[in-house]
Structures are given as structure tokens and as C-alpha cells.
Amino acid sequence: MQITVNGQAMDVEEGLSLEALLARLGVRREFTAVAVNREIAPRSAYPLTRLRDGDRLEIVHPMGGG
């Protein structure tokens, strides 16, 4: 199935969880927010959130600065 992550198409297996995708991408979850189809996913739901064909994800990392 195909999903879009930060504007880039990606092929993943069906039934992949959000938690597994983040692990595969090497994303540190403690400093990350993830929106699935424009809705913020709570961190507690990452293991239970199953991705579906056509989902659009935005993975956002906070930036420091001043």
C-alpha cells in the first residue's frame, strides 16, 4: 500500500502501525508530533494506529532557536 510521509510517497506493508513506521524511519518519538490525515495522533495511540492505503502523514520535529 502507499502512504505519503512529509510529502514523499512511500510503499509499506498493509497493517503497519504508526509506531512501527516511526521505528523504521528512526524517528525519536519523545520529540516528535505526528499528524495522520491532518489529525494529531496521541503518542499513546501510536502502537494501535494502523496505517491505511492513501494515508497522509506529517512528522514534525521541534526546532530550537531564538
N, C-alpha and C. Protein backbone atom coordinates (compact mmCIF):
# COMPACT_ATOMS: atom_id res chain seq x y z
N MET A 1 0.85 -1.17 0.00
CA MET A 1 0.00 0.00 0.00
C MET A 1 0.89 1.22 0.00
N GLN A 2 0.32 2.34 -0.40
CA GLN A 2 1.11 3.56 -0.49
C GLN A 2 0.57 4.61 0.47
N ILE A 3 1.50 5.25 1.20
CA ILE A 3 1.18 6.36 2.07
C ILE A 3 2.08 7.53 1.66
N THR A 4 1.80 8.69 2.21
CA THR A 4 2.63 9.87 1.96
C THR A 4 3.15 10.37 3.29
N VAL A 5 4.46 10.50 3.40
CA VAL A 5 5.09 10.97 4.63
C VAL A 5 5.84 12.26 4.31
N ASN A 6 5.40 13.35 4.92
CA ASN A 6 6.01 14.67 4.69
C ASN A 6 6.15 14.97 3.20
N GLY A 7 5.10 14.64 2.45
CA GLY A 7 5.05 14.96 1.03
C GLY A 7 5.72 13.94 0.13
N GLN A 8 6.31 12.89 0.67
CA GLN A 8 7.01 11.88 -0.12
C GLN A 8 6.22 10.56 -0.11
N ALA A 9 5.97 10.02 -1.28
CA ALA A 9 5.27 8.73 -1.37
C ALA A 9 6.16 7.63 -0.82
N MET A 10 5.52 6.67 -0.14
CA MET A 10 6.25 5.57 0.45
C MET A 10 5.39 4.31 0.38
N ASP A 11 5.99 3.21 -0.04
CA ASP A 11 5.30 1.92 -0.05
C ASP A 11 5.58 1.20 1.26
N VAL A 12 4.53 0.74 1.93
CA VAL A 12 4.66 -0.01 3.18
C VAL A 12 3.69 -1.19 3.14
N GLU A 13 3.92 -2.16 4.01
CA GLU A 13 3.03 -3.31 4.04
C GLU A 13 1.72 -2.95 4.74
N GLU A 14 0.67 -3.64 4.36
CA GLU A 14 -0.64 -3.40 4.96
C GLU A 14 -0.60 -3.74 6.44
N GLY A 15 -1.36 -2.98 7.23
CA GLY A 15 -1.48 -3.24 8.66
C GLY A 15 -0.34 -2.68 9.49
N LEU A 16 0.59 -1.95 8.85
CA LEU A 16 1.71 -1.37 9.59
C LEU A 16 1.19 -0.36 10.61
N SER A 17 1.71 -0.41 11.82
CA SER A 17 1.30 0.55 12.84
C SER A 17 2.13 1.82 12.72
N LEU A 18 1.60 2.89 13.25
CA LEU A 18 2.32 4.16 13.26
C LEU A 18 3.62 3.99 14.05
N GLU A 19 3.57 3.27 15.15
CA GLU A 19 4.76 3.01 15.97
C GLU A 19 5.85 2.31 15.14
N ALA A 20 5.46 1.30 14.38
CA ALA A 20 6.42 0.54 13.57
C ALA A 20 7.01 1.42 12.46
N LEU A 21 6.18 2.27 11.86
CA LEU A 21 6.69 3.16 10.82
C LEU A 21 7.73 4.11 11.40
N LEU A 22 7.45 4.70 12.55
CA LEU A 22 8.39 5.63 13.17
C LEU A 22 9.70 4.92 13.51
N ALA A 23 9.61 3.69 14.00
CA ALA A 23 10.82 2.92 14.30
C ALA A 23 11.62 2.66 13.03
N ARG A 24 10.93 2.29 11.96
CA ARG A 24 11.59 2.02 10.68
C ARG A 24 12.31 3.26 10.17
N LEU A 25 11.70 4.42 10.38
CA LEU A 25 12.29 5.67 9.90
C LEU A 25 13.34 6.24 10.86
N GLY A 26 13.48 5.62 12.03
CA GLY A 26 14.45 6.09 13.01
C GLY A 26 14.05 7.39 13.69
N VAL A 27 12.75 7.60 13.82
CA VAL A 27 12.24 8.84 14.41
C VAL A 27 12.19 8.71 15.93
N ARG A 28 12.79 9.66 16.63
CA ARG A 28 12.72 9.70 18.10
C ARG A 28 11.37 10.24 18.50
N ARG A 29 10.57 9.41 19.14
CA ARG A 29 9.20 9.78 19.44
C ARG A 29 9.03 10.83 20.53
N GLU A 30 9.99 10.94 21.44
CA GLU A 30 9.80 11.88 22.55
C GLU A 30 9.84 13.34 22.10
N PHE A 31 10.39 13.62 20.94
CA PHE A 31 10.46 15.00 20.46
C PHE A 31 9.76 15.16 19.11
N THR A 32 8.67 14.42 18.92
CA THR A 32 8.03 14.39 17.62
C THR A 32 6.51 14.47 17.77
N ALA A 33 5.88 15.17 16.86
CA ALA A 33 4.42 15.16 16.74
C ALA A 33 4.09 14.58 15.37
N VAL A 34 3.03 13.78 15.32
CA VAL A 34 2.64 13.14 14.06
C VAL A 34 1.17 13.42 13.80
N ALA A 35 0.88 13.90 12.59
CA ALA A 35 -0.49 14.08 12.15
C ALA A 35 -0.78 13.04 11.08
N VAL A 36 -1.90 12.34 11.24
CA VAL A 36 -2.35 11.37 10.24
C VAL A 36 -3.62 11.95 9.63
N ASN A 37 -3.57 12.24 8.36
CA ASN A 37 -4.71 12.86 7.66
C ASN A 37 -5.19 14.12 8.38
N ARG A 38 -4.20 14.94 8.74
CA ARG A 38 -4.42 16.26 9.36
C ARG A 38 -4.91 16.23 10.80
N GLU A 39 -4.89 15.06 11.44
CA GLU A 39 -5.28 14.98 12.85
C GLU A 39 -4.09 14.49 13.66
N ILE A 40 -3.76 15.23 14.73
CA ILE A 40 -2.64 14.85 15.57
C ILE A 40 -2.95 13.52 16.25
N ALA A 41 -2.01 12.59 16.14
CA ALA A 41 -2.17 11.28 16.79
C ALA A 41 -1.52 11.35 18.17
N PRO A 42 -2.26 11.00 19.23
CA PRO A 42 -1.63 10.98 20.56
C PRO A 42 -0.57 9.88 20.63
N ARG A 43 0.53 10.16 21.31
CA ARG A 43 1.61 9.17 21.41
C ARG A 43 1.12 7.84 21.94
N SER A 44 0.18 7.87 22.85
CA SER A 44 -0.32 6.61 23.43
C SER A 44 -1.02 5.75 22.39
N ALA A 45 -1.45 6.35 21.27
CA ALA A 45 -2.16 5.61 20.23
C ALA A 45 -1.24 5.11 19.12
N TYR A 46 0.03 5.47 19.13
CA TYR A 46 0.94 5.07 18.06
C TYR A 46 0.94 3.55 17.82
N PRO A 47 1.03 2.72 18.87
CA PRO A 47 1.06 1.27 18.62
C PRO A 47 -0.25 0.73 18.06
N LEU A 48 -1.36 1.39 18.35
CA LEU A 48 -2.67 0.91 17.93
C LEU A 48 -3.15 1.50 16.61
N THR A 49 -2.49 2.56 16.16
CA THR A 49 -2.91 3.23 14.93
C THR A 49 -2.37 2.47 13.73
N ARG A 50 -3.27 1.86 12.97
CA ARG A 50 -2.90 1.11 11.77
C ARG A 50 -3.02 2.02 10.56
N LEU A 51 -1.98 2.06 9.77
CA LEU A 51 -1.98 2.91 8.58
C LEU A 51 -2.78 2.23 7.48
N ARG A 52 -3.42 3.07 6.65
CA ARG A 52 -4.24 2.58 5.54
C ARG A 52 -3.75 3.19 4.24
N ASP A 53 -4.04 2.50 3.17
CA ASP A 53 -3.66 2.97 1.85
C ASP A 53 -4.16 4.40 1.64
N GLY A 54 -3.27 5.28 1.20
CA GLY A 54 -3.64 6.66 0.92
C GLY A 54 -3.48 7.61 2.10
N ASP A 55 -3.12 7.09 3.29
CA ASP A 55 -2.94 7.98 4.44
C ASP A 55 -1.84 8.99 4.14
N ARG A 56 -2.03 10.19 4.71
CA ARG A 56 -1.05 11.27 4.58
C ARG A 56 -0.56 11.61 5.97
N LEU A 57 0.75 11.49 6.18
CA LEU A 57 1.33 11.76 7.49
C LEU A 57 2.27 12.95 7.41
N GLU A 58 2.26 13.71 8.48
CA GLU A 58 3.24 14.79 8.65
C GLU A 58 3.94 14.52 9.97
N ILE A 59 5.26 14.38 9.91
CA ILE A 59 6.07 14.15 11.09
C ILE A 59 6.82 15.44 11.35
N VAL A 60 6.61 16.02 12.53
CA VAL A 60 7.14 17.34 12.84
C VAL A 60 8.09 17.24 14.03
N HIS A 61 9.27 17.83 13.89
CA HIS A 61 10.26 17.88 14.96
C HIS A 61 10.38 19.35 15.41
N PRO A 62 10.41 19.59 16.72
CA PRO A 62 10.56 20.97 17.18
C PRO A 62 11.94 21.52 16.80
N MET A 63 11.97 22.81 16.55
CA MET A 63 13.23 23.46 16.20
C MET A 63 13.57 24.46 17.30
N GLY A 64 14.82 24.48 17.69
CA GLY A 64 15.29 25.45 18.66
C GLY A 64 15.75 26.71 17.95
N GLY A 65 15.86 27.75 18.69
CA GLY A 65 16.35 28.98 18.08
C GLY A 65 15.83 30.19 18.84
N GLY A 66 16.10 31.31 18.29
CA GLY A 66 15.67 32.48 19.02
C GLY A 66 15.65 33.69 18.22
